[in-house]
Amino acid sequence: RLSCSWMRRPTLPDIKASVGISNQVPYNFSVSPILSLGGIAGGIEICITFPTEYVKTQLQLDEKANPPRYKGIVDCVKQTVDGYGVRGLYRGLSSLLYGSIPKAAVRFGVFEFLSNKMRDESGKLDSTRGLLCGLGAGVAEAVVVVCPMETVKVKFIHDQSSANPKYRGFFHGVREIVRTEGLRGTYQGLTATVLKQGSNQAIRFYVMTSLRNWYKGEDPNKAINPLVTGAFGAFAGAVSVFGNTPLDVIKTRMQGLEAHKYKSTLDCAVKIMKHEGPKAFYKGTVPRLGRVCMDVAIVFIIYEEVVKVLNKVWKTD
């Protein structure tokens, strides 16, 4: 049967006796279903939360030296809707949607794989090991999916906000980027992306594992209400936002159309500090906070609820 990874590995009687989602993982657990579940959850989540991601990216690309185009979140939304309609808030969705499905699949798949290897003798995954598994999952998704996906997304949003957009759509944009910059053009800001995603998932899975272990106490089979799961996920997302938004700002700058101004991730950080001050490292924090809290809450709720459904129709001994 399927289950989630922050759980105790069961004995055979445990598996036979358990019903619904539990705090257990069978010895012959397969990562394949998790790849599908993670992908489904990621696709639904990004369709719901993309407008906040769009606004966050625009604010992070808006440099003080230009001068700034937007006065804040409300002004950014107003200018976008006035100029392009409500659909304007979904420009660049395709690049993130195509990437979010495999991103979530890799994240949960790698986390499950690592956590199955790192449980203690009793089969329990503690918070520290959860952090390490999350770090591994974040680095894996950054290299395999996130960096090229985010590079295309940022370039696409940046291009669509210019006076004369040159990308006619997602696939045309990808072709143009590869044609003019090569495959390396889709891997701009790799170091910043690895740092961001690794710290993201390390923080989130550490917080989620800690909260779940606290909530279950001495009863590993205690059910968790979806609303509680959502609240835990939202809190984990908020902690990660305040912990690594500076890395997110640097990553966005490194992947924009003006990335050539920066020699490296460190050079980008130094120039932002020198020309814009420390506050610039927290540009887009509010829209990112809204999006990430919804993101993590929705993904974990969907993930676990789909697992519950599959547990009813796909049972193994």
C-alpha atoms as a PDB file:
ATOM      1  CA  ARG A   1       0.000   0.000   0.000  1.00  0.00           C
ATOM      2  CA  LEU A   2       1.006   3.593  -0.557  1.00  0.00           C
ATOM      3  CA  SER A   3       1.992   5.971   2.168  1.00  0.00           C
ATOM      4  CA  CYS A   4       4.003   9.104   2.920  1.00  0.00           C
ATOM      5  CA  SER A   5       7.656   9.077   3.785  1.00  0.00           C
ATOM      6  CA  TRP A   6       7.803  10.665   7.232  1.00  0.00           C
ATOM      7  CA  MET A   7       6.492   7.396   8.601  1.00  0.00           C
ATOM      8  CA  ARG A   8       7.500   4.306  10.600  1.00  0.00           C
ATOM      9  CA  ARG A   9       8.268   1.230   8.503  1.00  0.00           C
ATOM     10  CA  PRO A  10       5.629  -1.370   9.467  1.00  0.00           C
ATOM     11  CA  THR A  11       5.684  -5.044  10.218  1.00  0.00           C
ATOM     12  CA  LEU A  12       3.525  -7.290   8.048  1.00  0.00           C
ATOM     13  CA  PRO A  13       0.704  -7.330  10.647  1.00  0.00           C
ATOM     14  CA  ASP A  14       0.769  -3.526  10.669  1.00  0.00           C
ATOM     15  CA  ILE A  15       0.258  -3.420   6.919  1.00  0.00           C
ATOM     16  CA  LYS A  16      -2.582  -5.917   6.981  1.00  0.00           C
ATOM     17  CA  ALA A  17      -4.302  -4.100   9.823  1.00  0.00           C
ATOM     18  CA  SER A  18      -3.944  -0.567   8.585  1.00  0.00           C
ATOM     19  CA  VAL A  19      -6.713   1.269   6.783  1.00  0.00           C
ATOM     20  CA  GLY A  20      -6.471   4.622   5.035  1.00  0.00           C
ATOM     21  CA  ILE A  21      -3.352   6.761   5.087  1.00  0.00           C
ATOM     22  CA  SER A  22      -1.086   5.960   7.986  1.00  0.00           C
ATOM     23  CA  ASN A  23       2.307   6.551   9.461  1.00  0.00           C
ATOM     24  CA  GLN A  24       3.723   3.511   7.635  1.00  0.00           C
ATOM     25  CA  VAL A  25       5.696   2.466   4.560  1.00  0.00           C
ATOM     26  CA  PRO A  26       6.019  -1.143   3.356  1.00  0.00           C
ATOM     27  CA  TYR A  27       9.430  -2.650   2.702  1.00  0.00           C
ATOM     28  CA  ASN A  28       8.680  -3.121  -0.991  1.00  0.00           C
ATOM     29  CA  PHE A  29       7.495   0.457  -1.430  1.00  0.00           C
ATOM     30  CA  SER A  30       7.784   1.677  -5.024  1.00  0.00           C
ATOM     31  CA  VAL A  31       8.674   5.275  -5.846  1.00  0.00           C
ATOM     32  CA  SER A  32       6.839   5.123  -9.197  1.00  0.00           C
ATOM     33  CA  PRO A  33       3.337   5.937  -7.845  1.00  0.00           C
ATOM     34  CA  ILE A  34       4.841   8.833  -5.879  1.00  0.00           C
ATOM     35  CA  LEU A  35       6.213  10.331  -9.094  1.00  0.00           C
ATOM     36  CA  SER A  36       2.680  10.365 -10.521  1.00  0.00           C
ATOM     37  CA  LEU A  37       1.079  11.685  -7.336  1.00  0.00           C
ATOM     38  CA  GLY A  38       3.639  14.441  -6.986  1.00  0.00           C
ATOM     39  CA  GLY A  39       3.129  15.436 -10.611  1.00  0.00           C
ATOM     40  CA  ILE A  40      -0.669  15.650 -10.233  1.00  0.00           C
ATOM     41  CA  ALA A  41      -0.374  17.755  -7.080  1.00  0.00           C
ATOM     42  CA  GLY A  42       2.199  20.078  -8.660  1.00  0.00           C
ATOM     43  CA  GLY A  43       0.124  20.682 -11.797  1.00  0.00           C
ATOM     44  CA  ILE A  44      -3.043  21.590  -9.886  1.00  0.00           C
ATOM     45  CA  GLU A  45      -1.155  23.823  -7.473  1.00  0.00           C
ATOM     46  CA  ILE A  46       0.572  25.970 -10.085  1.00  0.00           C
ATOM     47  CA  CYS A  47      -2.674  26.634 -11.981  1.00  0.00           C
ATOM     48  CA  ILE A  48      -4.159  28.018  -8.763  1.00  0.00           C
ATOM     49  CA  THR A  49      -1.227  30.102  -7.549  1.00  0.00           C
ATOM     50  CA  PHE A  50       0.490  31.378 -10.721  1.00  0.00           C
ATOM     51  CA  PRO A  51      -0.721  35.036 -10.575  1.00  0.00           C
ATOM     52  CA  THR A  52       1.179  35.523  -7.315  1.00  0.00           C
ATOM     53  CA  GLU A  53       4.282  34.019  -8.936  1.00  0.00           C
ATOM     54  CA  TYR A  54       3.919  36.408 -11.879  1.00  0.00           C
ATOM     55  CA  VAL A  55       3.694  39.462  -9.622  1.00  0.00           C
ATOM     56  CA  LYS A  56       6.634  38.286  -7.499  1.00  0.00           C
ATOM     57  CA  THR A  57       8.825  37.814 -10.571  1.00  0.00           C
ATOM     58  CA  GLN A  58       7.922  41.230 -11.989  1.00  0.00           C
ATOM     59  CA  LEU A  59       8.766  42.968  -8.710  1.00  0.00           C
ATOM     60  CA  GLN A  60      12.083  41.133  -8.426  1.00  0.00           C
ATOM     61  CA  LEU A  61      13.041  42.115 -11.992  1.00  0.00           C
ATOM     62  CA  ASP A  62      12.086  45.728 -11.325  1.00  0.00           C
ATOM     63  CA  GLU A  63      15.405  47.381 -10.513  1.00  0.00           C
ATOM     64  CA  LYS A  64      15.743  50.655  -8.629  1.00  0.00           C
ATOM     65  CA  ALA A  65      18.280  51.998 -11.140  1.00  0.00           C
ATOM     66  CA  ASN A  66      15.911  51.812 -14.109  1.00  0.00           C
ATOM     67  CA  PRO A  67      13.875  53.567 -12.360  1.00  0.00           C
ATOM     68  CA  PRO A  68      11.318  51.123 -10.939  1.00  0.00           C
ATOM     69  CA  ARG A  69       8.267  50.507 -13.064  1.00  0.00           C
ATOM     70  CA  TYR A  70       5.972  49.396 -10.244  1.00  0.00           C
ATOM     71  CA  LYS A  71       5.142  51.099  -6.947  1.00  0.00           C
ATOM     72  CA  GLY A  72       4.163  47.840  -5.304  1.00  0.00           C
ATOM     73  CA  ILE A  73       2.030  44.712  -5.553  1.00  0.00           C
ATOM     74  CA  VAL A  74      -1.278  46.487  -6.217  1.00  0.00           C
ATOM     75  CA  ASP A  75       0.278  48.748  -8.845  1.00  0.00           C
ATOM     76  CA  CYS A  76       1.874  45.774 -10.580  1.00  0.00           C
ATOM     77  CA  VAL A  77      -1.463  43.952 -10.747  1.00  0.00           C
ATOM     78  CA  LYS A  78      -3.265  47.122 -11.901  1.00  0.00           C
ATOM     79  CA  GLN A  79      -0.768  47.859 -14.698  1.00  0.00           C
ATOM     80  CA  THR A  80      -0.835  44.252 -15.878  1.00  0.00           C
ATOM     81  CA  VAL A  81      -4.646  44.010 -15.952  1.00  0.00           C
ATOM     82  CA  ASP A  82      -4.982  47.461 -17.568  1.00  0.00           C
ATOM     83  CA  GLY A  83      -2.503  46.565 -20.276  1.00  0.00           C
ATOM     84  CA  TYR A  84      -3.269  42.906 -20.948  1.00  0.00           C
ATOM     85  CA  GLY A  85      -6.458  42.019 -19.082  1.00  0.00           C
ATOM     86  CA  VAL A  86      -6.744  39.384 -16.364  1.00  0.00           C
ATOM     87  CA  ARG A  87      -5.081  36.890 -18.711  1.00  0.00           C
ATOM     88  CA  GLY A  88      -1.951  39.003 -18.406  1.00  0.00           C
ATOM     89  CA  LEU A  89      -1.450  37.638 -14.892  1.00  0.00           C
ATOM     90  CA  TYR A  90      -1.037  34.195 -16.445  1.00  0.00           C
ATOM     91  CA  ARG A  91       1.689  35.098 -18.938  1.00  0.00           C
ATOM     92  CA  GLY A  92       4.467  32.541 -18.570  1.00  0.00           C
ATOM     93  CA  LEU A  93       2.131  29.939 -17.024  1.00  0.00           C
ATOM     94  CA  SER A  94       2.955  27.343 -19.684  1.00  0.00           C
ATOM     95  CA  SER A  95       6.654  27.305 -18.834  1.00  0.00           C
ATOM     96  CA  LEU A  96       5.951  26.780 -15.144  1.00  0.00           C
ATOM     97  CA  LEU A  97       3.122  24.289 -15.728  1.00  0.00           C
ATOM     98  CA  TYR A  98       5.233  22.103 -18.003  1.00  0.00           C
ATOM     99  CA  GLY A  99       7.951  22.172 -15.362  1.00  0.00           C
ATOM    100  CA  SER A 100       5.880  21.962 -12.169  1.00  0.00           C
ATOM    101  CA  ILE A 101       4.555  18.480 -12.906  1.00  0.00           C
ATOM    102  CA  PRO A 102       7.995  16.828 -13.273  1.00  0.00           C
ATOM    103  CA  LYS A 103       9.392  19.087 -10.514  1.00  0.00           C
ATOM    104  CA  ALA A 104       6.909  17.816  -7.931  1.00  0.00           C
ATOM    105  CA  ALA A 105       7.380  14.270  -9.212  1.00  0.00           C
ATOM    106  CA  VAL A 106      11.170  14.455  -8.771  1.00  0.00           C
ATOM    107  CA  ARG A 107      10.824  16.158  -5.376  1.00  0.00           C
ATOM    108  CA  PHE A 108       8.554  13.560  -3.803  1.00  0.00           C
ATOM    109  CA  GLY A 109      10.173  10.639  -5.622  1.00  0.00           C
ATOM    110  CA  VAL A 110      13.698  11.505  -4.435  1.00  0.00           C
ATOM    111  CA  PHE A 111      12.455  12.338  -0.933  1.00  0.00           C
ATOM    112  CA  GLU A 112      10.707   8.960  -0.671  1.00  0.00           C
ATOM    113  CA  PHE A 113      13.782   7.141  -1.985  1.00  0.00           C
ATOM    114  CA  LEU A 114      16.174   8.869   0.428  1.00  0.00           C
ATOM    115  CA  SER A 115      13.862   8.644   3.426  1.00  0.00           C
ATOM    116  CA  ASN A 116      13.428   4.896   2.912  1.00  0.00           C
ATOM    117  CA  LYS A 117      17.229   4.591   3.192  1.00  0.00           C
ATOM    118  CA  MET A 118      17.642   6.871   6.208  1.00  0.00           C
ATOM    119  CA  ARG A 119      15.129   5.601   8.750  1.00  0.00           C
ATOM    120  CA  ASP A 120      16.429   4.410  12.099  1.00  0.00           C
ATOM    121  CA  GLU A 121      16.159   0.837  13.397  1.00  0.00           C
ATOM    122  CA  SER A 122      12.514   1.316  14.320  1.00  0.00           C
ATOM    123  CA  GLY A 123      11.694   2.667  10.871  1.00  0.00           C
ATOM    124  CA  LYS A 124      11.114   6.246  12.054  1.00  0.00           C
ATOM    125  CA  LEU A 125      12.313   9.301  10.161  1.00  0.00           C
ATOM    126  CA  ASP A 126      13.346  12.037  12.599  1.00  0.00           C
ATOM    127  CA  SER A 127      13.450  15.766  11.851  1.00  0.00           C
ATOM    128  CA  THR A 128      17.195  15.934  11.150  1.00  0.00           C
ATOM    129  CA  ARG A 129      17.043  13.102   8.643  1.00  0.00           C
ATOM    130  CA  GLY A 130      13.942  14.689   7.163  1.00  0.00           C
ATOM    131  CA  LEU A 131      15.981  17.863   6.623  1.00  0.00           C
ATOM    132  CA  LEU A 132      18.749  15.927   4.846  1.00  0.00           C
ATOM    133  CA  CYS A 133      16.237  14.076   2.651  1.00  0.00           C
ATOM    134  CA  GLY A 134      14.572  17.387   1.807  1.00  0.00           C
ATOM    135  CA  LEU A 135      17.949  18.894   0.911  1.00  0.00           C
ATOM    136  CA  GLY A 136      18.674  15.994  -1.433  1.00  0.00           C
ATOM    137  CA  ALA A 137      15.230  16.298  -3.038  1.00  0.00           C
ATOM    138  CA  GLY A 138      15.692  20.044  -3.521  1.00  0.00           C
ATOM    139  CA  VAL A 139      19.100  19.705  -5.158  1.00  0.00           C
ATOM    140  CA  ALA A 140      17.804  16.953  -7.456  1.00  0.00           C
ATOM    141  CA  GLU A 141      14.786  18.946  -8.621  1.00  0.00           C
ATOM    142  CA  ALA A 142      16.952  22.046  -9.115  1.00  0.00           C
ATOM    143  CA  VAL A 143      19.371  20.302 -11.468  1.00  0.00           C
ATOM    144  CA  VAL A 144      16.902  18.087 -13.330  1.00  0.00           C
ATOM    145  CA  VAL A 145      13.901  20.408 -13.704  1.00  0.00           C
ATOM    146  CA  VAL A 146      13.815  23.714 -11.850  1.00  0.00           C
ATOM    147  CA  CYS A 147      16.799  25.581 -13.301  1.00  0.00           C
ATOM    148  CA  PRO A 148      15.816  25.252 -16.993  1.00  0.00           C
ATOM    149  CA  MET A 149      12.126  25.736 -16.132  1.00  0.00           C
ATOM    150  CA  GLU A 150      12.745  28.858 -14.059  1.00  0.00           C
ATOM    151  CA  THR A 151      15.159  30.313 -16.623  1.00  0.00           C
ATOM    152  CA  VAL A 152      12.562  30.003 -19.378  1.00  0.00           C
ATOM    153  CA  LYS A 153       9.801  31.339 -17.084  1.00  0.00           C
ATOM    154  CA  VAL A 154      11.781  34.403 -16.017  1.00  0.00           C
ATOM    155  CA  LYS A 155      12.938  35.185 -19.564  1.00  0.00           C
ATOM    156  CA  PHE A 156       9.390  34.739 -20.870  1.00  0.00           C
ATOM    157  CA  ILE A 157       7.822  37.016 -18.230  1.00  0.00           C
ATOM    158  CA  HIS A 158      10.616  39.567 -18.685  1.00  0.00           C
ATOM    159  CA  ASP A 159      10.162  39.489 -22.468  1.00  0.00           C
ATOM    160  CA  GLN A 160       6.371  39.794 -22.335  1.00  0.00           C
ATOM    161  CA  SER A 161       6.658  42.928 -20.202  1.00  0.00           C
ATOM    162  CA  SER A 162       8.980  44.638 -22.703  1.00  0.00           C
ATOM    163  CA  ALA A 163       7.789  47.079 -25.394  1.00  0.00           C
ATOM    164  CA  ASN A 164       8.384  44.603 -28.244  1.00  0.00           C
ATOM    165  CA  PRO A 165       8.088  40.990 -27.052  1.00  0.00           C
ATOM    166  CA  LYS A 166      10.094  38.578 -29.213  1.00  0.00           C
ATOM    167  CA  TYR A 167       8.743  35.256 -27.908  1.00  0.00           C
ATOM    168  CA  ARG A 168       5.434  34.181 -29.484  1.00  0.00           C
ATOM    169  CA  GLY A 169       4.830  31.366 -27.051  1.00  0.00           C
ATOM    170  CA  PHE A 170       6.493  28.827 -24.785  1.00  0.00           C
ATOM    171  CA  PHE A 171       7.957  26.537 -27.426  1.00  0.00           C
ATOM    172  CA  HIS A 172       9.001  29.424 -29.654  1.00  0.00           C
ATOM    173  CA  GLY A 173      10.673  31.025 -26.649  1.00  0.00           C
ATOM    174  CA  VAL A 174      12.570  27.841 -25.808  1.00  0.00           C
ATOM    175  CA  ARG A 175      13.719  27.453 -29.425  1.00  0.00           C
ATOM    176  CA  GLU A 176      14.931  31.057 -29.528  1.00  0.00           C
ATOM    177  CA  ILE A 177      16.793  30.753 -26.226  1.00  0.00           C
ATOM    178  CA  VAL A 178      18.519  27.538 -27.316  1.00  0.00           C
ATOM    179  CA  ARG A 179      19.242  28.937 -30.778  1.00  0.00           C
ATOM    180  CA  THR A 180      20.842  32.134 -29.515  1.00  0.00           C
ATOM    181  CA  GLU A 181      22.405  30.953 -26.256  1.00  0.00           C
ATOM    182  CA  GLY A 182      22.658  27.191 -26.577  1.00  0.00           C
ATOM    183  CA  LEU A 183      21.525  24.737 -23.901  1.00  0.00           C
ATOM    184  CA  ARG A 184      23.587  26.732 -21.406  1.00  0.00           C
ATOM    185  CA  GLY A 185      21.056  29.501 -21.888  1.00  0.00           C
ATOM    186  CA  THR A 186      18.470  27.386 -20.058  1.00  0.00           C
ATOM    187  CA  TYR A 187      20.813  26.788 -17.128  1.00  0.00           C
ATOM    188  CA  GLN A 188      21.540  30.347 -16.091  1.00  0.00           C
ATOM    189  CA  GLY A 189      21.746  30.855 -12.338  1.00  0.00           C
ATOM    190  CA  LEU A 190      22.267  27.137 -11.630  1.00  0.00           C
ATOM    191  CA  THR A 191      24.246  27.755  -8.436  1.00  0.00           C
ATOM    192  CA  ALA A 192      21.626  30.127  -7.052  1.00  0.00           C
ATOM    193  CA  THR A 193      18.852  27.715  -8.058  1.00  0.00           C
ATOM    194  CA  VAL A 194      20.519  24.752  -6.344  1.00  0.00           C
ATOM    195  CA  LEU A 195      21.043  26.842  -3.187  1.00  0.00           C
ATOM    196  CA  LYS A 196      17.455  28.087  -3.283  1.00  0.00           C
ATOM    197  CA  GLN A 197      15.749  24.743  -3.957  1.00  0.00           C
ATOM    198  CA  GLY A 198      18.011  22.788  -1.630  1.00  0.00           C
ATOM    199  CA  SER A 199      17.337  25.156   1.275  1.00  0.00           C
ATOM    200  CA  ASN A 200      13.639  25.370   0.311  1.00  0.00           C
ATOM    201  CA  GLN A 201      12.970  21.655   0.578  1.00  0.00           C
ATOM    202  CA  ALA A 202      15.324  21.130   3.521  1.00  0.00           C
ATOM    203  CA  ILE A 203      13.385  23.733   5.525  1.00  0.00           C
ATOM    204  CA  ARG A 204       9.941  22.578   4.387  1.00  0.00           C
ATOM    205  CA  PHE A 205      10.418  18.861   4.962  1.00  0.00           C
ATOM    206  CA  TYR A 206      12.181  19.521   8.291  1.00  0.00           C
ATOM    207  CA  VAL A 207       9.233  21.609   9.503  1.00  0.00           C
ATOM    208  CA  MET A 208       6.640  19.172   8.117  1.00  0.00           C
ATOM    209  CA  THR A 209       8.382  16.158   9.640  1.00  0.00           C
ATOM    210  CA  SER A 210       8.712  17.924  13.008  1.00  0.00           C
ATOM    211  CA  LEU A 211       5.069  19.014  13.064  1.00  0.00           C
ATOM    212  CA  ARG A 212       3.757  15.606  11.982  1.00  0.00           C
ATOM    213  CA  ASN A 213       5.852  13.775  14.573  1.00  0.00           C
ATOM    214  CA  TRP A 214       4.653  16.225  17.237  1.00  0.00           C
ATOM    215  CA  TYR A 215       1.009  15.848  16.196  1.00  0.00           C
ATOM    216  CA  LYS A 216       1.079  12.038  16.091  1.00  0.00           C
ATOM    217  CA  GLY A 217       2.921  11.745  19.394  1.00  0.00           C
ATOM    218  CA  GLU A 218       3.134   8.123  20.495  1.00  0.00           C
ATOM    219  CA  ASP A 219       0.498   6.973  17.991  1.00  0.00           C
ATOM    220  CA  PRO A 220       2.114   6.587  14.533  1.00  0.00           C
ATOM    221  CA  ASN A 221      -1.256   5.571  13.039  1.00  0.00           C
ATOM    222  CA  LYS A 222      -3.081   8.729  14.147  1.00  0.00           C
ATOM    223  CA  ALA A 223      -4.940  10.249  11.196  1.00  0.00           C
ATOM    224  CA  ILE A 224      -4.308  13.871  10.270  1.00  0.00           C
ATOM    225  CA  ASN A 225      -7.189  16.022   9.029  1.00  0.00           C
ATOM    226  CA  PRO A 226      -6.526  17.626   5.603  1.00  0.00           C
ATOM    227  CA  LEU A 227      -6.999  21.083   7.129  1.00  0.00           C
ATOM    228  CA  VAL A 228      -4.290  20.312   9.688  1.00  0.00           C
ATOM    229  CA  THR A 229      -2.013  19.073   6.912  1.00  0.00           C
ATOM    230  CA  GLY A 230      -2.706  22.287   5.007  1.00  0.00           C
ATOM    231  CA  ALA A 231      -1.930  24.418   8.065  1.00  0.00           C
ATOM    232  CA  PHE A 232       1.339  22.551   8.631  1.00  0.00           C
ATOM    233  CA  GLY A 233       2.233  22.984   4.956  1.00  0.00           C
ATOM    234  CA  ALA A 234       1.442  26.700   4.961  1.00  0.00           C
ATOM    235  CA  PHE A 235       3.612  27.227   8.038  1.00  0.00           C
ATOM    236  CA  ALA A 236       6.474  25.237   6.493  1.00  0.00           C
ATOM    237  CA  GLY A 237       6.170  27.336   3.339  1.00  0.00           C
ATOM    238  CA  ALA A 238       6.232  30.601   5.301  1.00  0.00           C
ATOM    239  CA  VAL A 239       9.377  29.574   7.169  1.00  0.00           C
ATOM    240  CA  SER A 240      11.127  28.744   3.883  1.00  0.00           C
ATOM    241  CA  VAL A 241      10.143  32.105   2.353  1.00  0.00           C
ATOM    242  CA  PHE A 242      11.678  34.156   5.158  1.00  0.00           C
ATOM    243  CA  GLY A 243      14.668  31.838   5.182  1.00  0.00           C
ATOM    244  CA  ASN A 244      15.696  32.059   1.530  1.00  0.00           C
ATOM    245  CA  THR A 245      13.997  34.924  -0.352  1.00  0.00           C
ATOM    246  CA  PRO A 246      17.407  36.615  -0.888  1.00  0.00           C
ATOM    247  CA  LEU A 247      18.497  33.535  -2.844  1.00  0.00           C
ATOM    248  CA  ASP A 248      15.268  33.696  -4.848  1.00  0.00           C
ATOM    249  CA  VAL A 249      15.924  37.342  -5.793  1.00  0.00           C
ATOM    250  CA  ILE A 250      19.483  36.528  -6.889  1.00  0.00           C
ATOM    251  CA  LYS A 251      18.248  33.533  -8.898  1.00  0.00           C
ATOM    252  CA  THR A 252      15.623  35.653 -10.659  1.00  0.00           C
ATOM    253  CA  ARG A 253      18.173  38.320 -11.612  1.00  0.00           C
ATOM    254  CA  MET A 254      20.607  35.676 -12.871  1.00  0.00           C
ATOM    255  CA  GLN A 255      17.905  34.218 -15.127  1.00  0.00           C
ATOM    256  CA  GLY A 256      16.451  37.467 -16.518  1.00  0.00           C
ATOM    257  CA  LEU A 257      17.113  38.991 -19.935  1.00  0.00           C
ATOM    258  CA  GLU A 258      19.777  41.221 -18.373  1.00  0.00           C
ATOM    259  CA  ALA A 259      21.669  38.393 -16.689  1.00  0.00           C
ATOM    260  CA  HIS A 260      24.750  39.297 -18.751  1.00  0.00           C
ATOM    261  CA  LYS A 261      25.372  42.159 -16.300  1.00  0.00           C
ATOM    262  CA  TYR A 262      26.439  39.650 -13.663  1.00  0.00           C
ATOM    263  CA  LYS A 263      29.643  37.617 -13.734  1.00  0.00           C
ATOM    264  CA  SER A 264      28.502  35.103 -11.142  1.00  0.00           C
ATOM    265  CA  THR A 265      26.016  34.467  -8.345  1.00  0.00           C
ATOM    266  CA  LEU A 266      28.301  36.252  -5.881  1.00  0.00           C
ATOM    267  CA  ASP A 267      28.776  39.205  -8.255  1.00  0.00           C
ATOM    268  CA  CYS A 268      24.997  39.495  -8.594  1.00  0.00           C
ATOM    269  CA  ALA A 269      24.569  39.585  -4.809  1.00  0.00           C
ATOM    270  CA  VAL A 270      27.303  42.209  -4.417  1.00  0.00           C
ATOM    271  CA  LYS A 271      25.821  44.470  -7.122  1.00  0.00           C
ATOM    272  CA  ILE A 272      22.313  44.240  -5.683  1.00  0.00           C
ATOM    273  CA  MET A 273      23.640  45.216  -2.252  1.00  0.00           C
ATOM    274  CA  LYS A 274      25.792  48.033  -3.673  1.00  0.00           C
ATOM    275  CA  HIS A 275      23.213  49.643  -5.972  1.00  0.00           C
ATOM    276  CA  GLU A 276      19.885  48.821  -4.306  1.00  0.00           C
ATOM    277  CA  GLY A 277      20.584  48.113  -0.656  1.00  0.00           C
ATOM    278  CA  PRO A 278      19.643  45.158   1.583  1.00  0.00           C
ATOM    279  CA  LYS A 279      15.890  45.684   1.142  1.00  0.00           C
ATOM    280  CA  ALA A 280      16.216  44.615  -2.496  1.00  0.00           C
ATOM    281  CA  PHE A 281      16.954  41.071  -1.329  1.00  0.00           C
ATOM    282  CA  TYR A 282      13.387  40.858  -0.046  1.00  0.00           C
ATOM    283  CA  LYS A 283      11.609  42.198  -3.121  1.00  0.00           C
ATOM    284  CA  GLY A 284       8.505  40.163  -3.899  1.00  0.00           C
ATOM    285  CA  THR A 285       8.385  38.661  -0.408  1.00  0.00           C
ATOM    286  CA  VAL A 286       4.647  39.298   0.119  1.00  0.00           C
ATOM    287  CA  PRO A 287       3.409  37.776  -3.172  1.00  0.00           C
ATOM    288  CA  ARG A 288       5.932  34.962  -2.783  1.00  0.00           C
ATOM    289  CA  LEU A 289       4.703  34.349   0.763  1.00  0.00           C
ATOM    290  CA  GLY A 290       1.120  34.115  -0.483  1.00  0.00           C
ATOM    291  CA  ARG A 291       2.029  31.811  -3.316  1.00  0.00           C
ATOM    292  CA  VAL A 292       4.379  29.526  -1.368  1.00  0.00           C
ATOM    293  CA  CYS A 293       2.025  29.085   1.590  1.00  0.00           C
ATOM    294  CA  MET A 294      -0.773  28.068  -0.790  1.00  0.00           C
ATOM    295  CA  ASP A 295       1.691  26.013  -2.831  1.00  0.00           C
ATOM    296  CA  VAL A 296       2.987  23.858   0.011  1.00  0.00           C
ATOM    297  CA  ALA A 297      -0.416  23.517   1.691  1.00  0.00           C
ATOM    298  CA  ILE A 298      -2.190  22.505  -1.529  1.00  0.00           C
ATOM    299  CA  VAL A 299       0.525  20.096  -2.672  1.00  0.00           C
ATOM    300  CA  PHE A 300       0.638  18.205   0.625  1.00  0.00           C
ATOM    301  CA  ILE A 301      -3.158  18.068   0.923  1.00  0.00           C
ATOM    302  CA  ILE A 302      -3.649  16.832  -2.645  1.00  0.00           C
ATOM    303  CA  TYR A 303      -0.766  14.394  -2.318  1.00  0.00           C
ATOM    304  CA  GLU A 304      -2.095  12.782   0.835  1.00  0.00           C
ATOM    305  CA  GLU A 305      -5.749  12.787  -0.237  1.00  0.00           C
ATOM    306  CA  VAL A 306      -4.898  11.074  -3.534  1.00  0.00           C
ATOM    307  CA  VAL A 307      -2.855   8.539  -1.545  1.00  0.00           C
ATOM    308  CA  LYS A 308      -5.939   7.859   0.583  1.00  0.00           C
ATOM    309  CA  VAL A 309      -8.040   7.203  -2.506  1.00  0.00           C
ATOM    310  CA  LEU A 310      -5.437   4.912  -4.044  1.00  0.00           C
ATOM    311  CA  ASN A 311      -5.080   3.028  -0.768  1.00  0.00           C
ATOM    312  CA  LYS A 312      -8.732   2.020  -1.111  1.00  0.00           C
ATOM    313  CA  VAL A 313      -8.385   0.642  -4.633  1.00  0.00           C
ATOM    314  CA  TRP A 314      -4.724  -0.448  -4.725  1.00  0.00           C
ATOM    315  CA  LYS A 315      -3.773  -2.551  -1.745  1.00  0.00           C
ATOM    316  CA  THR A 316      -0.728  -4.752  -1.392  1.00  0.00           C
ATOM    317  CA  ASP A 317       0.418  -7.083   1.365  1.00  0.00           C
END
